[in-house]
N, C-alpha and C. Protein backbone atom coordinates (compact mmCIF):
# COMPACT_ATOMS: atom_id res chain seq x y z
N MET A 1 137.30 58.19 58.99
CA MET A 1 136.30 57.19 58.68
C MET A 1 135.80 56.60 59.99
N SER A 2 134.49 56.51 60.14
CA SER A 2 133.92 55.98 61.38
C SER A 2 134.07 54.47 61.44
N SER A 3 133.95 53.95 62.66
CA SER A 3 134.08 52.50 62.84
C SER A 3 132.97 51.76 62.09
N ASP A 4 131.77 52.36 61.99
CA ASP A 4 130.68 51.73 61.24
C ASP A 4 131.07 51.53 59.78
N ASN A 5 131.67 52.58 59.20
CA ASN A 5 132.07 52.49 57.79
C ASN A 5 133.17 51.47 57.59
N VAL A 6 134.13 51.44 58.50
CA VAL A 6 135.24 50.50 58.40
C VAL A 6 134.73 49.07 58.52
N LEU A 7 133.91 48.82 59.53
CA LEU A 7 133.39 47.47 59.74
C LEU A 7 132.48 47.05 58.59
N GLY A 8 131.66 47.96 58.12
CA GLY A 8 130.79 47.66 57.00
C GLY A 8 131.59 47.34 55.74
N HIS A 9 132.64 48.09 55.51
CA HIS A 9 133.49 47.84 54.34
C HIS A 9 134.18 46.48 54.46
N LEU A 10 134.65 46.16 55.65
CA LEU A 10 135.31 44.87 55.87
C LEU A 10 134.33 43.72 55.64
N VAL A 11 133.12 43.85 56.15
CA VAL A 11 132.10 42.81 55.92
C VAL A 11 131.83 42.67 54.43
N HIS A 12 131.74 43.78 53.73
CA HIS A 12 131.50 43.74 52.29
C HIS A 12 132.62 42.98 51.56
N LEU A 13 133.87 43.27 51.92
CA LEU A 13 135.00 42.58 51.29
C LEU A 13 134.99 41.08 51.58
N LEU A 14 134.67 40.72 52.82
CA LEU A 14 134.62 39.31 53.19
C LEU A 14 133.51 38.58 52.44
N LYS A 15 132.36 39.23 52.32
CA LYS A 15 131.24 38.61 51.59
C LYS A 15 131.57 38.48 50.11
N ASP A 16 132.26 39.46 49.54
CA ASP A 16 132.68 39.35 48.14
C ASP A 16 133.63 38.17 47.95
N GLN A 17 134.56 38.00 48.88
CA GLN A 17 135.49 36.88 48.80
C GLN A 17 134.76 35.56 48.92
N ARG A 18 133.78 35.50 49.82
CA ARG A 18 132.97 34.28 50.00
C ARG A 18 132.27 33.92 48.69
N GLU A 19 131.67 34.91 48.04
CA GLU A 19 130.98 34.65 46.79
C GLU A 19 131.95 34.16 45.71
N SER A 20 133.14 34.71 45.69
CA SER A 20 134.14 34.30 44.72
C SER A 20 134.52 32.83 44.94
N VAL A 21 134.72 32.45 46.19
CA VAL A 21 135.07 31.07 46.52
C VAL A 21 133.91 30.15 46.14
N LYS A 22 132.68 30.56 46.47
CA LYS A 22 131.52 29.74 46.14
C LYS A 22 131.38 29.55 44.63
N GLU A 23 131.64 30.59 43.86
CA GLU A 23 131.56 30.47 42.41
C GLU A 23 132.58 29.46 41.89
N ASP A 24 133.78 29.49 42.45
CA ASP A 24 134.79 28.51 42.06
C ASP A 24 134.34 27.10 42.40
N MET A 25 133.70 26.93 43.54
CA MET A 25 133.23 25.62 43.97
C MET A 25 132.12 25.10 43.06
N VAL A 26 131.22 25.99 42.66
CA VAL A 26 130.09 25.61 41.82
C VAL A 26 130.56 25.16 40.44
N ARG A 27 131.62 25.76 39.96
CA ARG A 27 132.15 25.36 38.65
C ARG A 27 132.59 23.91 38.63
N GLY A 28 132.93 23.38 39.81
CA GLY A 28 133.24 21.96 39.94
C GLY A 28 134.54 21.52 39.30
N MET A 29 135.44 22.43 39.06
CA MET A 29 136.68 22.07 38.40
C MET A 29 137.83 21.97 39.41
N MET A 30 137.58 21.23 40.49
CA MET A 30 138.61 21.05 41.50
C MET A 30 138.49 19.67 42.11
N SER A 31 139.57 19.23 42.70
CA SER A 31 139.58 17.92 43.34
C SER A 31 138.70 17.96 44.59
N PHE A 32 138.36 16.79 45.08
CA PHE A 32 137.58 16.71 46.32
C PHE A 32 138.36 17.35 47.46
N GLU A 33 139.66 17.13 47.49
CA GLU A 33 140.49 17.71 48.54
C GLU A 33 140.41 19.24 48.51
N MET A 34 140.51 19.82 47.33
CA MET A 34 140.43 21.28 47.20
C MET A 34 139.02 21.77 47.55
N TYR A 35 138.00 21.03 47.13
CA TYR A 35 136.62 21.39 47.45
C TYR A 35 136.43 21.40 48.96
N HIS A 36 136.95 20.40 49.63
CA HIS A 36 136.85 20.30 51.08
C HIS A 36 137.55 21.49 51.74
N LYS A 37 138.70 21.86 51.24
CA LYS A 37 139.43 23.02 51.77
C LYS A 37 138.62 24.29 51.58
N GLN A 38 138.03 24.45 50.40
CA GLN A 38 137.25 25.66 50.12
C GLN A 38 136.01 25.74 51.02
N CYS A 39 135.43 24.59 51.37
CA CYS A 39 134.31 24.60 52.32
C CYS A 39 134.76 25.20 53.65
N GLY A 40 135.96 24.87 54.08
CA GLY A 40 136.51 25.44 55.30
C GLY A 40 136.74 26.93 55.17
N VAL A 41 137.17 27.37 54.01
CA VAL A 41 137.37 28.80 53.77
C VAL A 41 136.03 29.54 53.88
N VAL A 42 134.99 28.98 53.28
CA VAL A 42 133.66 29.61 53.35
C VAL A 42 133.19 29.69 54.81
N ARG A 43 133.37 28.61 55.56
CA ARG A 43 132.97 28.63 56.97
C ARG A 43 133.77 29.68 57.75
N GLY A 44 135.05 29.80 57.46
CA GLY A 44 135.88 30.80 58.13
C GLY A 44 135.45 32.22 57.80
N LEU A 45 135.13 32.47 56.54
CA LEU A 45 134.66 33.79 56.14
C LEU A 45 133.32 34.11 56.80
N ASP A 46 132.42 33.13 56.85
CA ASP A 46 131.13 33.34 57.53
C ASP A 46 131.33 33.68 59.00
N TYR A 47 132.26 32.97 59.64
CA TYR A 47 132.54 33.21 61.05
C TYR A 47 133.11 34.62 61.25
N ALA A 48 134.01 35.03 60.38
CA ALA A 48 134.60 36.37 60.48
C ALA A 48 133.53 37.44 60.31
N VAL A 49 132.64 37.25 59.35
CA VAL A 49 131.55 38.21 59.14
C VAL A 49 130.67 38.29 60.38
N GLN A 50 130.34 37.15 60.95
CA GLN A 50 129.50 37.14 62.15
C GLN A 50 130.16 37.87 63.31
N LEU A 51 131.45 37.65 63.51
CA LEU A 51 132.18 38.34 64.58
C LEU A 51 132.16 39.85 64.37
N ILE A 52 132.38 40.29 63.15
CA ILE A 52 132.40 41.73 62.86
C ILE A 52 131.01 42.32 63.04
N GLU A 53 129.98 41.64 62.58
CA GLU A 53 128.62 42.14 62.75
C GLU A 53 128.24 42.22 64.22
N ASP A 54 128.65 41.23 65.00
CA ASP A 54 128.40 41.27 66.45
C ASP A 54 129.14 42.44 67.10
N LEU A 55 130.37 42.67 66.68
CA LEU A 55 131.15 43.80 67.21
C LEU A 55 130.49 45.12 66.86
N ALA A 56 130.00 45.25 65.64
CA ALA A 56 129.33 46.48 65.22
C ALA A 56 128.09 46.74 66.07
N LYS A 57 127.32 45.70 66.35
CA LYS A 57 126.13 45.85 67.19
C LYS A 57 126.52 46.27 68.60
N GLN A 58 127.58 45.67 69.12
CA GLN A 58 128.04 46.00 70.48
C GLN A 58 128.52 47.45 70.53
N LEU A 59 129.25 47.89 69.53
CA LEU A 59 129.72 49.26 69.50
C LEU A 59 128.55 50.24 69.40
N GLU A 60 127.52 49.86 68.64
CA GLU A 60 126.33 50.69 68.53
C GLU A 60 125.62 50.81 69.87
N ARG A 61 125.50 49.71 70.59
CA ARG A 61 124.87 49.73 71.91
C ARG A 61 125.69 50.57 72.90
N ASP A 62 127.01 50.47 72.80
CA ASP A 62 127.88 51.23 73.70
C ASP A 62 127.77 52.73 73.45
N ASP A 63 127.49 53.12 72.21
CA ASP A 63 127.36 54.54 71.87
C ASP A 63 126.06 55.14 72.37
N GLU A 64 125.07 54.30 72.63
CA GLU A 64 123.75 54.81 73.07
C GLU A 64 123.76 55.23 74.49
């Protein structure tokens, strides 16, 4: 499996997890403390996706 496929798959999994967390938050059936924690989870997932996408771009440039 190429690094592009691995990184793309990882980004897909992270985005799926982000959507799952967001859906739980939208339902509104959690305490403020839990909601606040989930906001941090979403930010962490977004940051992880950004790092992986930046790495993929760098690897693409290095291959050229």
